[in-house]
Amino acid sequence: MQVELQNLGRSFGRQVVFKALSYTFETGGSYAILGGNGSGKSTLLSILYSALSQTEGEIRWWKRGVQVPVSQVPFRCSLSGPYFELIEELTALEFLNFHQRFKPFLSGVDPKTLLAIAQLQHAEKKEIRHFSSGMKQRLKLAISLLADVDLILLDEPSSNLDPSATSWYNSLVESYKRDRTLIVGSNFNEAEMGFCAHRLDIDAYKQV
């Protein structure tokens, strides 16, 4: 999926998060949105997902030269962030069976396969509320990268991951990114976005 931003801006009241942002995320590319805590990375990712609207400018999504309606964008994207909540009263297997009814996984991937890829097959009958923070993060990342979507958005993907799990995450990206567009929000952490060939520093778009 290609995403085109033209003079994009977002404010909350008098607080300008960013403005005059013109950029194109090309189909199949790997991109990093860089900035410190509170810089606006998560806000921009939410706009890219169409969960939040901009206050100025335009954003368009394209697939094979055809514009994607805003109403369809969430079905063609996946978004993962440390602030996203899972349904903790369900077991891992129950949650994935529920989730795939709304956003299917890649061909050949079913809930049990996903749990094995996430190294969580031993916890399929455990309620998610009993997962460690690292287990929850692996589940979120696996759901996002194994979803049958065209645009993958990952906000601080190495949050709550130890070095071994961070290596697992990078292997997951290498194995399953394919020809899809991947955008990572990062606090300048090479361990989670070192594979990104393109970098966008959001602090460059904060002029008032």
N, C-alpha and C. Protein backbone atom coordinates (compact mmCIF):
# COMPACT_ATOMS: atom_id res chain seq x y z
N MET A 1 0.84 -1.20 0.00
CA MET A 1 0.00 0.00 0.00
C MET A 1 0.88 1.25 0.00
N GLN A 2 0.50 2.22 -0.79
CA GLN A 2 1.17 3.52 -0.79
C GLN A 2 0.34 4.50 0.03
N VAL A 3 1.02 5.32 0.84
CA VAL A 3 0.33 6.32 1.65
C VAL A 3 0.95 7.68 1.33
N GLU A 4 0.11 8.61 0.92
CA GLU A 4 0.57 9.93 0.49
C GLU A 4 0.08 11.00 1.46
N LEU A 5 1.01 11.74 2.03
CA LEU A 5 0.68 12.84 2.95
C LEU A 5 0.98 14.17 2.26
N GLN A 6 0.03 15.10 2.34
CA GLN A 6 0.22 16.42 1.75
C GLN A 6 -0.09 17.49 2.79
N ASN A 7 0.97 18.20 3.22
CA ASN A 7 0.84 19.28 4.20
C ASN A 7 0.02 18.85 5.42
N LEU A 8 0.31 17.65 5.89
CA LEU A 8 -0.46 17.08 6.99
C LEU A 8 -0.10 17.77 8.30
N GLY A 9 -1.10 18.00 9.12
CA GLY A 9 -0.87 18.60 10.44
C GLY A 9 -1.86 18.07 11.44
N ARG A 10 -1.43 18.06 12.71
CA ARG A 10 -2.33 17.64 13.79
C ARG A 10 -2.03 18.48 15.02
N SER A 11 -3.10 19.03 15.59
CA SER A 11 -2.99 19.82 16.82
C SER A 11 -4.01 19.31 17.82
N PHE A 12 -3.70 19.50 19.09
CA PHE A 12 -4.65 19.26 20.17
C PHE A 12 -4.83 20.59 20.89
N GLY A 13 -5.92 21.27 20.57
CA GLY A 13 -6.07 22.62 21.09
C GLY A 13 -5.00 23.52 20.51
N ARG A 14 -4.22 24.16 21.38
CA ARG A 14 -3.17 25.06 20.92
C ARG A 14 -1.83 24.35 20.77
N GLN A 15 -1.80 23.08 21.14
CA GLN A 15 -0.55 22.33 21.03
C GLN A 15 -0.41 21.74 19.63
N VAL A 16 0.63 22.17 18.94
CA VAL A 16 0.91 21.66 17.60
C VAL A 16 1.78 20.41 17.74
N VAL A 17 1.27 19.28 17.28
CA VAL A 17 2.04 18.03 17.33
C VAL A 17 3.01 17.98 16.16
N PHE A 18 2.50 18.25 14.96
CA PHE A 18 3.33 18.41 13.77
C PHE A 18 2.51 19.15 12.73
N LYS A 19 3.17 19.71 11.74
CA LYS A 19 2.46 20.41 10.67
C LYS A 19 3.32 20.43 9.42
N ALA A 20 2.67 20.75 8.29
CA ALA A 20 3.34 20.85 6.99
C ALA A 20 4.15 19.61 6.66
N LEU A 21 3.58 18.44 6.97
CA LEU A 21 4.26 17.17 6.71
C LEU A 21 3.80 16.62 5.36
N SER A 22 4.71 16.64 4.41
CA SER A 22 4.44 16.04 3.10
C SER A 22 5.44 14.91 2.89
N TYR A 23 4.91 13.72 2.62
CA TYR A 23 5.77 12.54 2.53
C TYR A 23 4.98 11.44 1.85
N THR A 24 5.68 10.54 1.18
CA THR A 24 5.02 9.39 0.56
C THR A 24 5.70 8.10 1.01
N PHE A 25 4.92 7.23 1.60
CA PHE A 25 5.36 5.89 1.96
C PHE A 25 5.04 4.98 0.77
N GLU A 26 6.08 4.49 0.11
CA GLU A 26 5.87 3.71 -1.10
C GLU A 26 5.55 2.25 -0.78
N THR A 27 4.81 1.63 -1.67
CA THR A 27 4.43 0.23 -1.52
C THR A 27 5.67 -0.66 -1.38
N GLY A 28 5.67 -1.49 -0.35
CA GLY A 28 6.75 -2.45 -0.15
C GLY A 28 7.95 -1.91 0.59
N GLY A 29 7.96 -0.62 0.92
CA GLY A 29 9.10 -0.02 1.62
C GLY A 29 9.06 -0.26 3.12
N SER A 30 10.23 -0.05 3.76
CA SER A 30 10.34 -0.14 5.22
C SER A 30 10.76 1.22 5.74
N TYR A 31 9.97 1.79 6.64
CA TYR A 31 10.16 3.17 7.10
C TYR A 31 10.20 3.23 8.62
N ALA A 32 10.99 4.17 9.14
CA ALA A 32 11.02 4.46 10.57
C ALA A 32 10.57 5.89 10.79
N ILE A 33 9.61 6.08 11.69
CA ILE A 33 9.23 7.42 12.16
C ILE A 33 9.94 7.62 13.48
N LEU A 34 10.84 8.57 13.53
CA LEU A 34 11.73 8.74 14.67
C LEU A 34 11.33 9.95 15.52
N GLY A 35 11.49 9.80 16.84
CA GLY A 35 11.21 10.90 17.76
C GLY A 35 11.22 10.40 19.19
N GLY A 36 11.43 11.30 20.12
CA GLY A 36 11.42 10.94 21.53
C GLY A 36 10.01 10.73 22.05
N ASN A 37 9.91 10.43 23.33
CA ASN A 37 8.60 10.25 23.95
C ASN A 37 7.79 11.54 23.85
N GLY A 38 6.54 11.42 23.44
CA GLY A 38 5.68 12.59 23.32
C GLY A 38 5.91 13.42 22.08
N SER A 39 6.69 12.92 21.15
CA SER A 39 7.01 13.71 19.95
C SER A 39 5.90 13.68 18.91
N GLY A 40 5.00 12.71 18.97
CA GLY A 40 3.91 12.64 18.01
C GLY A 40 3.95 11.41 17.12
N LYS A 41 4.86 10.48 17.40
CA LYS A 41 4.95 9.26 16.57
C LYS A 41 3.64 8.48 16.61
N SER A 42 3.13 8.26 17.81
CA SER A 42 1.90 7.47 17.95
C SER A 42 0.72 8.18 17.30
N THR A 43 0.70 9.51 17.40
CA THR A 43 -0.36 10.28 16.76
C THR A 43 -0.33 10.09 15.26
N LEU A 44 0.86 10.18 14.66
CA LEU A 44 0.97 9.99 13.22
C LEU A 44 0.58 8.58 12.82
N LEU A 45 1.01 7.58 13.57
CA LEU A 45 0.64 6.21 13.25
C LEU A 45 -0.88 6.02 13.32
N SER A 46 -1.52 6.65 14.28
CA SER A 46 -2.98 6.54 14.40
C SER A 46 -3.67 7.19 13.20
N ILE A 47 -3.10 8.27 12.68
CA ILE A 47 -3.65 8.91 11.48
C ILE A 47 -3.45 8.01 10.27
N LEU A 48 -2.27 7.39 10.17
CA LEU A 48 -2.00 6.48 9.06
C LEU A 48 -2.97 5.29 9.07
N TYR A 49 -3.40 4.90 10.25
CA TYR A 49 -4.35 3.80 10.41
C TYR A 49 -5.79 4.26 10.19
N SER A 50 -5.99 5.57 10.16
CA SER A 50 -7.29 6.24 10.04
C SER A 50 -8.11 6.17 11.33
N ALA A 51 -7.44 5.87 12.45
CA ALA A 51 -8.13 5.88 13.74
C ALA A 51 -8.25 7.28 14.30
N LEU A 52 -7.48 8.23 13.74
CA LEU A 52 -7.47 9.62 14.19
C LEU A 52 -7.39 10.48 12.94
N SER A 53 -8.12 11.58 12.94
CA SER A 53 -8.11 12.46 11.77
C SER A 53 -7.09 13.57 11.95
N GLN A 54 -6.57 14.05 10.85
CA GLN A 54 -5.67 15.20 10.86
C GLN A 54 -6.47 16.48 11.05
N THR A 55 -5.82 17.55 11.48
CA THR A 55 -6.49 18.85 11.61
C THR A 55 -6.23 19.74 10.41
N GLU A 56 -5.26 19.36 9.58
CA GLU A 56 -5.04 20.08 8.33
C GLU A 56 -4.32 19.16 7.36
N GLY A 57 -4.40 19.51 6.07
CA GLY A 57 -3.75 18.71 5.05
C GLY A 57 -4.57 17.51 4.63
N GLU A 58 -3.97 16.67 3.80
CA GLU A 58 -4.66 15.52 3.25
C GLU A 58 -3.81 14.26 3.36
N ILE A 59 -4.49 13.13 3.45
CA ILE A 59 -3.83 11.83 3.43
C ILE A 59 -4.62 10.93 2.50
N ARG A 60 -3.90 10.19 1.66
CA ARG A 60 -4.55 9.26 0.73
C ARG A 60 -3.83 7.92 0.78
N TRP A 61 -4.59 6.87 0.67
CA TRP A 61 -4.06 5.51 0.62
C TRP A 61 -4.34 4.94 -0.77
N TRP A 62 -3.34 4.24 -1.32
CA TRP A 62 -3.48 3.69 -2.66
C TRP A 62 -3.05 2.23 -2.68
N LYS A 63 -3.77 1.42 -3.46
CA LYS A 63 -3.37 0.04 -3.69
C LYS A 63 -3.43 -0.24 -5.19
N ARG A 64 -2.29 -0.51 -5.77
CA ARG A 64 -2.18 -0.76 -7.21
C ARG A 64 -2.82 0.35 -8.02
N GLY A 65 -2.58 1.59 -7.60
CA GLY A 65 -3.06 2.75 -8.34
C GLY A 65 -4.50 3.13 -8.09
N VAL A 66 -5.21 2.38 -7.25
CA VAL A 66 -6.60 2.66 -6.93
C VAL A 66 -6.68 3.21 -5.51
N GLN A 67 -7.35 4.35 -5.34
CA GLN A 67 -7.45 4.94 -4.01
C GLN A 67 -8.33 4.09 -3.11
N VAL A 68 -7.84 3.86 -1.89
CA VAL A 68 -8.57 3.07 -0.90
C VAL A 68 -9.46 4.00 -0.08
N PRO A 69 -10.77 3.75 -0.01
CA PRO A 69 -11.65 4.60 0.80
C PRO A 69 -11.24 4.57 2.28
N VAL A 70 -11.39 5.68 2.95
CA VAL A 70 -11.02 5.76 4.36
C VAL A 70 -11.71 4.68 5.18
N SER A 71 -12.96 4.37 4.84
CA SER A 71 -13.71 3.38 5.60
C SER A 71 -13.11 1.99 5.50
N GLN A 72 -12.29 1.73 4.47
CA GLN A 72 -11.68 0.42 4.28
C GLN A 72 -10.26 0.33 4.82
N VAL A 73 -9.67 1.46 5.17
CA VAL A 73 -8.27 1.48 5.59
C VAL A 73 -8.00 0.57 6.80
N PRO A 74 -8.81 0.61 7.86
CA PRO A 74 -8.51 -0.26 9.02
C PRO A 74 -8.52 -1.74 8.70
N PHE A 75 -9.24 -2.13 7.65
CA PHE A 75 -9.29 -3.54 7.27
C PHE A 75 -8.08 -3.96 6.45
N ARG A 76 -7.34 -2.97 5.93
CA ARG A 76 -6.16 -3.25 5.12
C ARG A 76 -4.87 -2.93 5.87
N CYS A 77 -4.98 -2.55 7.13
CA CYS A 77 -3.82 -2.20 7.94
C CYS A 77 -3.83 -3.00 9.24
N SER A 78 -2.65 -3.13 9.85
CA SER A 78 -2.56 -3.63 11.22
C SER A 78 -1.74 -2.63 12.01
N LEU A 79 -2.07 -2.47 13.27
CA LEU A 79 -1.38 -1.51 14.14
C LEU A 79 -1.12 -2.15 15.48
N SER A 80 0.14 -2.09 15.92
CA SER A 80 0.52 -2.64 17.22
C SER A 80 1.26 -1.58 18.02
N GLY A 81 0.94 -1.48 19.29
CA GLY A 81 1.63 -0.54 20.17
C GLY A 81 1.58 -1.03 21.60
N PRO A 82 2.52 -0.63 22.43
CA PRO A 82 2.53 -1.09 23.83
C PRO A 82 1.31 -0.64 24.63
N TYR A 83 0.62 0.37 24.13
CA TYR A 83 -0.57 0.90 24.82
C TYR A 83 -1.84 0.17 24.38
N PHE A 84 -1.76 -0.70 23.39
CA PHE A 84 -2.93 -1.43 22.93
C PHE A 84 -3.28 -2.54 23.92
N GLU A 85 -4.56 -2.67 24.20
CA GLU A 85 -5.01 -3.67 25.15
C GLU A 85 -5.53 -4.91 24.42
N LEU A 86 -5.27 -6.06 25.00
CA LEU A 86 -5.84 -7.31 24.53
C LEU A 86 -7.05 -7.65 25.41
N ILE A 87 -7.86 -8.59 24.98
CA ILE A 87 -9.01 -9.00 25.80
C ILE A 87 -8.50 -10.02 26.81
N GLU A 88 -8.18 -9.56 27.99
CA GLU A 88 -7.41 -10.35 28.93
C GLU A 88 -8.22 -11.46 29.61
N GLU A 89 -9.53 -11.39 29.51
CA GLU A 89 -10.35 -12.45 30.13
C GLU A 89 -10.41 -13.70 29.25
N LEU A 90 -9.95 -13.59 28.00
CA LEU A 90 -9.94 -14.74 27.09
C LEU A 90 -8.61 -15.45 27.14
N THR A 91 -8.62 -16.73 26.80
CA THR A 91 -7.35 -17.42 26.62
C THR A 91 -6.75 -16.96 25.29
N ALA A 92 -5.48 -17.26 25.09
CA ALA A 92 -4.82 -16.85 23.86
C ALA A 92 -5.54 -17.42 22.64
N LEU A 93 -5.91 -18.70 22.71
CA LEU A 93 -6.57 -19.34 21.57
C LEU A 93 -7.96 -18.76 21.34
N GLU A 94 -8.70 -18.50 22.41
CA GLU A 94 -10.01 -17.88 22.27
C GLU A 94 -9.90 -16.50 21.64
N PHE A 95 -8.92 -15.73 22.08
CA PHE A 95 -8.75 -14.38 21.54
C PHE A 95 -8.43 -14.41 20.05
N LEU A 96 -7.54 -15.30 19.63
CA LEU A 96 -7.16 -15.36 18.22
C LEU A 96 -8.31 -15.85 17.35
N ASN A 97 -9.09 -16.81 17.84
CA ASN A 97 -10.27 -17.26 17.10
C ASN A 97 -11.26 -16.12 16.91
N PHE A 98 -11.40 -15.29 17.94
CA PHE A 98 -12.29 -14.13 17.85
C PHE A 98 -11.70 -13.09 16.89
N HIS A 99 -10.40 -12.81 17.02
CA HIS A 99 -9.75 -11.77 16.24
C HIS A 99 -9.80 -12.05 14.74
N GLN A 100 -9.57 -13.28 14.34
CA GLN A 100 -9.50 -13.59 12.92
C GLN A 100 -10.86 -13.50 12.22
N ARG A 101 -11.93 -13.41 12.98
CA ARG A 101 -13.24 -13.20 12.37
C ARG A 101 -13.34 -11.80 11.77
N PHE A 102 -12.56 -10.86 12.28
CA PHE A 102 -12.59 -9.47 11.82
C PHE A 102 -11.40 -9.13 10.94
N LYS A 103 -10.26 -9.77 11.18
CA LYS A 103 -9.06 -9.51 10.38
C LYS A 103 -8.32 -10.84 10.19
N PRO A 104 -8.53 -11.47 9.04
CA PRO A 104 -7.92 -12.79 8.80
C PRO A 104 -6.40 -12.74 8.80
N PHE A 105 -5.81 -13.89 9.04
CA PHE A 105 -4.35 -14.03 8.99
C PHE A 105 -3.91 -14.40 7.58
N LEU A 106 -2.61 -14.35 7.35
CA LEU A 106 -2.05 -14.74 6.07
C LEU A 106 -2.43 -16.18 5.72
N SER A 107 -2.43 -16.48 4.45
CA SER A 107 -2.75 -17.82 4.00
C SER A 107 -1.82 -18.83 4.65
N GLY A 108 -2.40 -19.89 5.17
CA GLY A 108 -1.62 -20.93 5.82
C GLY A 108 -1.39 -20.71 7.30
N VAL A 109 -1.85 -19.58 7.82
CA VAL A 109 -1.68 -19.27 9.25
C VAL A 109 -3.03 -19.37 9.95
N ASP A 110 -3.12 -20.23 10.95
CA ASP A 110 -4.31 -20.30 11.79
C ASP A 110 -3.89 -19.94 13.22
N PRO A 111 -4.84 -19.83 14.15
CA PRO A 111 -4.47 -19.42 15.51
C PRO A 111 -3.38 -20.26 16.15
N LYS A 112 -3.43 -21.58 16.00
CA LYS A 112 -2.40 -22.41 16.62
C LYS A 112 -1.04 -22.21 15.96
N THR A 113 -1.03 -22.02 14.65
CA THR A 113 0.22 -21.73 13.95
C THR A 113 0.81 -20.41 14.42
N LEU A 114 -0.05 -19.40 14.57
CA LEU A 114 0.42 -18.10 15.04
C LEU A 114 1.03 -18.20 16.44
N LEU A 115 0.39 -18.95 17.31
CA LEU A 115 0.93 -19.10 18.67
C LEU A 115 2.29 -19.79 18.65
N ALA A 116 2.45 -20.76 17.76
CA ALA A 116 3.75 -21.43 17.64
C ALA A 116 4.81 -20.46 17.14
N ILE A 117 4.47 -19.63 16.16
CA ILE A 117 5.41 -18.64 15.63
C ILE A 117 5.78 -17.63 16.71
N ALA A 118 4.80 -17.28 17.55
CA ALA A 118 5.05 -16.33 18.65
C ALA A 118 5.71 -16.99 19.85
N GLN A 119 6.02 -18.28 19.75
CA GLN A 119 6.62 -19.05 20.84
C GLN A 119 5.71 -19.05 22.08
N LEU A 120 4.41 -19.16 21.82
CA LEU A 120 3.41 -19.15 22.89
C LEU A 120 2.51 -20.38 22.84
N GLN A 121 2.93 -21.41 22.12
CA GLN A 121 2.07 -22.59 21.99
C GLN A 121 1.78 -23.24 23.34
N HIS A 122 2.68 -23.09 24.29
CA HIS A 122 2.48 -23.67 25.62
C HIS A 122 1.41 -22.92 26.42
N ALA A 123 1.03 -21.73 25.94
CA ALA A 123 0.11 -20.88 26.71
C ALA A 123 -1.23 -20.69 26.01
N GLU A 124 -1.58 -21.58 25.08
CA GLU A 124 -2.79 -21.37 24.30
C GLU A 124 -4.05 -21.39 25.15
N LYS A 125 -4.03 -22.12 26.28
CA LYS A 125 -5.22 -22.19 27.14
C LYS A 125 -5.10 -21.30 28.37
N LYS A 126 -4.08 -20.47 28.39
CA LYS A 126 -3.89 -19.54 29.52
C LYS A 126 -4.60 -18.23 29.23
N GLU A 127 -5.30 -17.68 30.22
CA GLU A 127 -5.91 -16.37 30.04
C GLU A 127 -4.83 -15.32 29.86
N ILE A 128 -5.07 -14.39 28.96
CA ILE A 128 -4.06 -13.39 28.61
C ILE A 128 -3.69 -12.53 29.80
N ARG A 129 -4.58 -12.36 30.74
CA ARG A 129 -4.27 -11.55 31.92
C ARG A 129 -3.13 -12.15 32.75
N HIS A 130 -2.85 -13.43 32.53
CA HIS A 130 -1.76 -14.09 33.25
C HIS A 130 -0.46 -14.11 32.44
N PHE A 131 -0.46 -13.48 31.26
CA PHE A 131 0.75 -13.39 30.45
C PHE A 131 1.69 -12.35 31.04
N SER A 132 2.98 -12.55 30.85
CA SER A 132 3.96 -11.50 31.18
C SER A 132 3.86 -10.41 30.13
N SER A 133 4.47 -9.25 30.40
CA SER A 133 4.45 -8.15 29.43
C SER A 133 5.13 -8.55 28.13
N GLY A 134 6.19 -9.34 28.23
CA GLY A 134 6.88 -9.79 27.03
C GLY A 134 6.04 -10.73 26.20
N MET A 135 5.30 -11.62 26.85
CA MET A 135 4.41 -12.54 26.13
C MET A 135 3.31 -11.77 25.41
N LYS A 136 2.74 -10.77 26.08
CA LYS A 136 1.70 -9.96 25.44
C LYS A 136 2.26 -9.23 24.22
N GLN A 137 3.49 -8.71 24.35
CA GLN A 137 4.07 -7.98 23.22
C GLN A 137 4.34 -8.91 22.04
N ARG A 138 4.82 -10.12 22.31
CA ARG A 138 5.04 -11.07 21.22
C ARG A 138 3.72 -11.40 20.52
N LEU A 139 2.66 -11.54 21.30
CA LEU A 139 1.36 -11.84 20.71
C LEU A 139 0.89 -10.68 19.83
N LYS A 140 1.03 -9.46 20.31
CA LYS A 140 0.62 -8.29 19.52
C LYS A 140 1.41 -8.20 18.21
N LEU A 141 2.71 -8.41 18.29
CA LEU A 141 3.54 -8.31 17.10
C LEU A 141 3.21 -9.41 16.09
N ALA A 142 2.99 -10.62 16.58
CA ALA A 142 2.64 -11.72 15.68
C ALA A 142 1.30 -11.45 15.01
N ILE A 143 0.33 -10.96 15.75
CA ILE A 143 -0.97 -10.64 15.16
C ILE A 143 -0.81 -9.61 14.05
N SER A 144 0.00 -8.57 14.27
CA SER A 144 0.16 -7.50 13.28
C SER A 144 0.89 -7.98 12.04
N LEU A 145 1.99 -8.72 12.24
CA LEU A 145 2.81 -9.12 11.09
C LEU A 145 2.22 -10.30 10.33
N LEU A 146 1.37 -11.08 10.97
CA LEU A 146 0.76 -12.23 10.30
C LEU A 146 -0.65 -11.95 9.82
N ALA A 147 -1.12 -10.72 9.98
CA ALA A 147 -2.43 -10.35 9.46
C ALA A 147 -2.36 -10.21 7.94
N ASP A 148 -3.44 -10.53 7.27
CA ASP A 148 -3.50 -10.43 5.81
C ASP A 148 -3.85 -8.98 5.45
N VAL A 149 -2.84 -8.11 5.54
CA VAL A 149 -3.02 -6.68 5.30
C VAL A 149 -1.93 -6.17 4.37
N ASP A 150 -2.08 -4.93 3.92
CA ASP A 150 -1.12 -4.32 3.00
C ASP A 150 -0.20 -3.32 3.68
N LEU A 151 -0.58 -2.85 4.86
CA LEU A 151 0.19 -1.84 5.59
C LEU A 151 0.32 -2.27 7.04
N ILE A 152 1.57 -2.37 7.53
CA ILE A 152 1.84 -2.80 8.90
C ILE A 152 2.45 -1.63 9.66
N LEU A 153 1.84 -1.26 10.78
CA LEU A 153 2.29 -0.14 11.60
C LEU A 153 2.67 -0.67 12.98
N LEU A 154 3.92 -0.47 13.37
CA LEU A 154 4.41 -0.98 14.65
C LEU A 154 4.97 0.17 15.46
N ASP A 155 4.39 0.43 16.61
CA ASP A 155 4.82 1.52 17.48
C ASP A 155 5.70 0.96 18.60
N GLU A 156 6.98 1.36 18.61
CA GLU A 156 7.95 0.91 19.60
C GLU A 156 7.86 -0.62 19.80
N PRO A 157 8.11 -1.38 18.73
CA PRO A 157 7.88 -2.83 18.79
C PRO A 157 8.76 -3.60 19.76
N SER A 158 9.91 -3.05 20.16
CA SER A 158 10.77 -3.79 21.09
C SER A 158 10.43 -3.52 22.56
N SER A 159 9.38 -2.73 22.81
CA SER A 159 8.95 -2.49 24.20
C SER A 159 8.63 -3.82 24.87
N ASN A 160 9.14 -3.99 26.07
CA ASN A 160 8.89 -5.19 26.89
C ASN A 160 9.53 -6.46 26.33
N LEU A 161 10.43 -6.32 25.34
CA LEU A 161 11.11 -7.50 24.80
C LEU A 161 12.55 -7.54 25.31
N ASP A 162 12.99 -8.72 25.75
CA ASP A 162 14.39 -8.89 26.12
C ASP A 162 15.21 -9.09 24.84
N PRO A 163 16.54 -9.13 24.93
CA PRO A 163 17.36 -9.27 23.70
C PRO A 163 17.00 -10.46 22.84
N SER A 164 16.68 -11.60 23.47
CA SER A 164 16.31 -12.78 22.70
C SER A 164 15.02 -12.55 21.94
N ALA A 165 14.04 -11.94 22.59
CA ALA A 165 12.76 -11.68 21.94
C ALA A 165 12.89 -10.60 20.86
N THR A 166 13.80 -9.65 21.06
CA THR A 166 14.05 -8.64 20.03
C THR A 166 14.62 -9.30 18.77
N SER A 167 15.50 -10.27 18.94
CA SER A 167 16.02 -11.02 17.79
C SER A 167 14.90 -11.79 17.11
N TRP A 168 14.01 -12.38 17.92
CA TRP A 168 12.83 -13.07 17.36
C TRP A 168 11.99 -12.12 16.53
N TYR A 169 11.77 -10.90 17.02
CA TYR A 169 10.98 -9.90 16.30
C TYR A 169 11.62 -9.58 14.95
N ASN A 170 12.92 -9.37 14.93
CA ASN A 170 13.60 -9.05 13.66
C ASN A 170 13.50 -10.21 12.67
N SER A 171 13.57 -11.44 13.18
CA SER A 171 13.40 -12.61 12.31
C SER A 171 11.98 -12.69 11.77
N LEU A 172 11.02 -12.33 12.62
CA LEU A 172 9.61 -12.32 12.20
C LEU A 172 9.40 -11.34 11.05
N VAL A 173 9.99 -10.15 11.17
CA VAL A 173 9.88 -9.16 10.10
C VAL A 173 10.50 -9.69 8.82
N GLU A 174 11.69 -10.25 8.93
CA GLU A 174 12.38 -10.77 7.76
C GLU A 174 11.57 -11.87 7.06
N SER A 175 10.92 -12.70 7.85
CA SER A 175 10.18 -13.83 7.29
C SER A 175 8.83 -13.46 6.70
N TYR A 176 8.17 -12.44 7.29
CA TYR A 176 6.77 -12.21 6.93
C TYR A 176 6.44 -10.83 6.38
N LYS A 177 7.43 -9.95 6.27
CA LYS A 177 7.11 -8.63 5.70
C LYS A 177 6.64 -8.75 4.26
N ARG A 178 7.35 -9.56 3.47
CA ARG A 178 7.03 -9.78 2.07
C ARG A 178 7.02 -8.44 1.32
N ASP A 179 6.03 -8.21 0.46
CA ASP A 179 6.01 -6.99 -0.35
C ASP A 179 5.10 -5.92 0.25
N ARG A 180 4.87 -6.01 1.54
CA ARG A 180 3.97 -5.07 2.20
C ARG A 180 4.74 -3.86 2.73
N THR A 181 4.02 -2.78 2.94
CA THR A 181 4.62 -1.56 3.48
C THR A 181 4.67 -1.68 5.00
N LEU A 182 5.84 -1.39 5.57
CA LEU A 182 6.04 -1.50 7.02
C LEU A 182 6.55 -0.17 7.56
N ILE A 183 5.89 0.34 8.58
CA ILE A 183 6.28 1.62 9.21
C ILE A 183 6.44 1.39 10.70
N VAL A 184 7.62 1.74 11.22
CA VAL A 184 7.95 1.54 12.63
C VAL A 184 8.12 2.88 13.32
N GLY A 185 7.42 3.09 14.43
CA GLY A 185 7.64 4.26 15.28
C GLY A 185 8.68 3.91 16.32
N SER A 186 9.74 4.72 16.42
CA SER A 186 10.86 4.34 17.29
C SER A 186 11.51 5.54 17.94
N ASN A 187 12.02 5.32 19.17
CA ASN A 187 12.83 6.31 19.89
C ASN A 187 14.30 6.15 19.49
N PHE A 188 14.58 6.16 18.19
CA PHE A 188 15.96 6.04 17.68
C PHE A 188 16.62 4.73 18.14
N ASN A 189 15.82 3.67 18.20
CA ASN A 189 16.31 2.38 18.67
C ASN A 189 16.63 1.50 17.47
N GLU A 190 17.92 1.34 17.16
CA GLU A 190 18.32 0.57 15.99
C GLU A 190 17.90 -0.90 16.09
N ALA A 191 17.77 -1.41 17.30
CA ALA A 191 17.42 -2.82 17.47
C ALA A 191 16.03 -3.13 16.92
N GLU A 192 15.15 -2.13 16.85
CA GLU A 192 13.79 -2.37 16.38
C GLU A 192 13.51 -1.81 15.00
N MET A 193 14.44 -0.98 14.47
CA MET A 193 14.17 -0.40 13.16
C MET A 193 15.41 -0.33 12.28
N GLY A 194 16.42 -1.16 12.61
CA GLY A 194 17.65 -1.14 11.84
C GLY A 194 17.46 -1.55 10.39
N PHE A 195 16.43 -2.32 10.11
CA PHE A 195 16.17 -2.78 8.75
C PHE A 195 15.46 -1.72 7.90
N CYS A 196 15.04 -0.62 8.50
CA CYS A 196 14.28 0.40 7.77
C CYS A 196 15.22 1.23 6.90
N ALA A 197 14.99 1.21 5.61
CA ALA A 197 15.85 1.93 4.67
C ALA A 197 15.55 3.42 4.65
N HIS A 198 14.37 3.81 5.15
CA HIS A 198 13.96 5.22 5.09
C HIS A 198 13.63 5.70 6.50
N ARG A 199 14.06 6.93 6.81
CA ARG A 199 13.85 7.49 8.15
C ARG A 199 13.16 8.85 8.05
N LEU A 200 12.15 9.07 8.89
CA LEU A 200 11.45 10.34 8.95
C LEU A 200 11.51 10.83 10.39
N ASP A 201 12.19 11.97 10.61
CA ASP A 201 12.31 12.56 11.95
C ASP A 201 11.15 13.52 12.15
N ILE A 202 10.22 13.15 13.02
CA ILE A 202 9.01 13.94 13.18
C ILE A 202 9.29 15.31 13.80
N ASP A 203 10.41 15.46 14.50
CA ASP A 203 10.74 16.75 15.10
C ASP A 203 11.01 17.82 14.05
N ALA A 204 11.24 17.41 12.81
CA ALA A 204 11.48 18.37 11.73
C ALA A 204 10.19 19.05 11.28
N TYR A 205 9.04 18.61 11.83
CA TYR A 205 7.75 19.14 11.38
C TYR A 205 6.98 19.75 12.54
N LYS A 206 7.68 20.45 13.40
CA LYS A 206 7.04 21.03 14.58
C LYS A 206 7.01 22.55 14.56
N GLN A 207 7.35 23.18 13.43
CA GLN A 207 7.33 24.63 13.38
C GLN A 207 5.91 25.13 13.58
N VAL A 208 5.78 26.22 14.29
CA VAL A 208 4.46 26.78 14.62
C VAL A 208 4.18 27.95 13.67
